[in-house]
């Protein structure tokens, strides 16, 4: 979830992809043809998302391949009560739910470490920085285009925005179909507060230590952003929380997850409509 303001919706237009394998044929249709064929129509996979971690290569080769979805997360402190992989778990959960029932859409495993330099003062945080993350995503996108005509990056961490958008821009410039969607809850607290705590109570309650939850810095993000960018989160909040987890519940978390899934689904549908136009 964002520590700094992040766009709520996907990158706009994408370029035409290189020819790729499609439904085990030797010559792929154009990206627009793939979308016209119903790449983003729901209803084909009753069992849920088609996940590459559970597939074998012949099944992937035989399946329609129209969009590869890659969650991008982080491993960083989320206060004394939430797990370090909170952003990754949320990105995966939203992507998995949005991918379910969409023929030709495959879900890849997440990139679990991102750009989290603002949390470097907290032990347990691991970061590769924006430059390395962008390079990794660009190379991943180039290889993915051998087998899928479009790539969707579902980003769960605000610190990754620069890298993700850089990668999308480069891949589009090279003519590959690519878009990004950033997890964001307008009006929610910035980091490890009520919103993320509620979502984690819905997703993985055993990983939430409610007894250790503490109120953090609750000032508006705009007020603390200069110091946060200069000296990191720990200079602003000793416990790493930007917000207040009080009142969090699994029921609220399910509602918030529903909003995020609706947002990602709508972004995928808009992308499909633009390609049909």
Foldseek 3Di string as FASTA:
>chain_A
DELDDDDAFKDDDFFKFDWAQFQLDPTHDTLLVCLVVQQFPFADAPPFAAEPVPDDVVVLNNFGAAEEEEEEFAQADFFPWAHRQLLQLLLVVLVRRLRTRGGNYYYYRYRRHEAAVLRVVDPRGDHPHLVVLLVVLLVVQVVVSNHYQAYEYEYRYNRNRVSVVSNRVVCRVVRGHYMYGYDDDPPDFRGNAQQSLQLCCQVPVVRGDVVRFDAWAAPDSVVCVVVSVVRHQCVRTVRSHHYHNPPHHPVVSVVSSVVSSVNHNVSVVVNSVVSND
